[in-house]
Amino acid sequence: MILKPLADRVIVKQVAAEETTKSGIILSSAAQEKPQVFEVIEVGPGGLVDGNEVKMVVKKGDRVITGKYSGTEVKIDGEEMTIVRQSDILAVVE
């Protein structure tokens, strides 16, 4: 199944959690902190949203940070993804 976001929507997928600490300690799955970094999977076309012209700034493959409780979580073909508005993206990670 293919998802195509509309207007200013962006589909993101959470980046895998770190399995070891910086000092090399291996973490159990319960101790792993859920990362707030997402990879952009697909980007909508932008256009007119609520009477304002929206230009899409993010692109497919970017790593971004979103608001903690923003977006709608969906499960497609066994993969968990989140659909957010571009305005819910707080930063691009470089």
Protein backbone atom coordinates (compact mmCIF):
# COMPACT_ATOMS: atom_id res chain seq x y z
CA MET A 1 0.00 0.00 0.00
CA ILE A 2 1.29 3.47 -0.88
CA LEU A 3 0.47 6.57 1.17
CA LYS A 4 0.41 9.97 -0.56
CA PRO A 5 -0.01 12.88 1.85
CA LEU A 6 -2.28 15.77 0.89
CA ALA A 7 -1.66 19.52 1.19
CA ASP A 8 0.92 20.33 3.89
CA ARG A 9 1.05 16.82 5.39
CA VAL A 10 4.29 14.86 5.81
CA ILE A 11 4.65 11.12 6.50
CA VAL A 12 7.47 10.32 8.92
CA LYS A 13 8.86 7.12 10.41
CA GLN A 14 10.61 6.98 13.76
CA VAL A 15 14.35 6.31 13.67
CA ALA A 16 15.41 3.14 15.55
CA ALA A 17 16.38 3.54 19.21
CA GLU A 18 20.02 3.38 20.25
CA GLU A 19 20.90 -0.07 21.58
CA THR A 20 24.12 0.98 23.31
CA THR A 21 25.16 4.03 25.32
CA LYS A 22 28.09 6.25 24.35
CA SER A 23 30.24 4.33 26.84
CA GLY A 24 29.33 0.99 25.22
CA ILE A 25 26.75 -0.34 27.69
CA ILE A 26 24.10 -2.46 25.92
CA LEU A 27 20.55 -1.40 26.79
CA SER A 28 17.58 -3.72 27.15
CA SER A 29 14.55 -2.86 25.05
CA ALA A 30 12.73 -1.60 28.16
CA ALA A 31 15.57 0.81 28.99
CA GLN A 32 15.90 2.22 25.47
CA GLU A 33 14.63 5.77 25.21
CA LYS A 34 12.23 6.35 22.35
CA PRO A 35 13.95 8.78 19.99
CA GLN A 36 12.19 11.94 18.86
CA VAL A 37 13.99 11.91 15.52
CA PHE A 38 11.97 10.86 12.48
CA GLU A 39 12.85 10.21 8.85
CA VAL A 40 10.65 11.85 6.22
CA ILE A 41 9.09 9.11 4.05
CA GLU A 42 6.81 11.21 1.84
CA VAL A 43 5.91 14.91 1.47
CA GLY A 44 2.64 16.44 0.32
CA PRO A 45 2.49 19.01 -2.49
CA GLY A 46 1.82 22.06 -0.29
CA GLY A 47 -0.45 24.66 -1.86
CA LEU A 48 -3.31 26.62 -0.33
CA VAL A 49 -3.98 25.65 3.31
CA ASP A 50 -6.50 27.66 5.37
CA GLY A 51 -6.26 30.51 2.85
CA ASN A 52 -2.45 30.73 3.06
CA GLU A 53 0.10 29.55 0.49
CA VAL A 54 2.28 26.79 1.99
CA LYS A 55 5.65 25.96 0.44
CA MET A 56 7.06 22.60 1.47
CA VAL A 57 10.49 23.00 3.07
CA VAL A 58 11.25 19.40 4.06
CA LYS A 59 12.01 16.70 1.52
CA LYS A 60 12.01 12.92 1.39
CA GLY A 61 14.94 11.47 3.35
CA ASP A 62 15.33 14.43 5.77
CA ARG A 63 15.64 13.68 9.47
CA VAL A 64 13.35 15.87 11.54
CA ILE A 65 12.14 16.44 15.09
CA THR A 66 8.38 16.82 15.63
CA GLY A 67 6.27 17.85 18.58
CA LYS A 68 5.96 15.06 21.13
CA TYR A 69 2.20 14.55 20.78
CA SER A 70 1.68 15.78 17.24
CA GLY A 71 0.41 13.84 14.27
CA THR A 72 -1.68 10.76 13.63
CA GLU A 73 -0.09 7.34 13.99
CA VAL A 74 -0.92 4.76 11.31
CA LYS A 75 0.22 1.21 10.67
CA ILE A 76 0.66 0.28 7.00
CA ASP A 77 1.97 -3.15 5.94
CA GLY A 78 3.23 -3.77 9.50
CA GLU A 79 5.22 -0.50 9.67
CA GLU A 80 4.31 2.27 12.09
CA MET A 81 4.31 5.76 10.59
CA THR A 82 3.05 9.16 11.65
CA ILE A 83 1.30 11.77 9.52
CA VAL A 84 2.06 15.33 10.65
CA ARG A 85 1.53 18.82 9.28
CA GLN A 86 4.70 20.58 8.17
CA SER A 87 4.02 23.18 10.88
CA ASP A 88 4.34 20.39 13.52
CA ILE A 89 7.96 19.80 12.48
CA LEU A 90 10.19 21.69 14.90
CA ALA A 91 13.62 21.20 13.30
CA VAL A 92 15.60 19.45 10.58
CA VAL A 93 18.52 17.36 11.91
CA GLU A 94 21.70 17.70 9.86
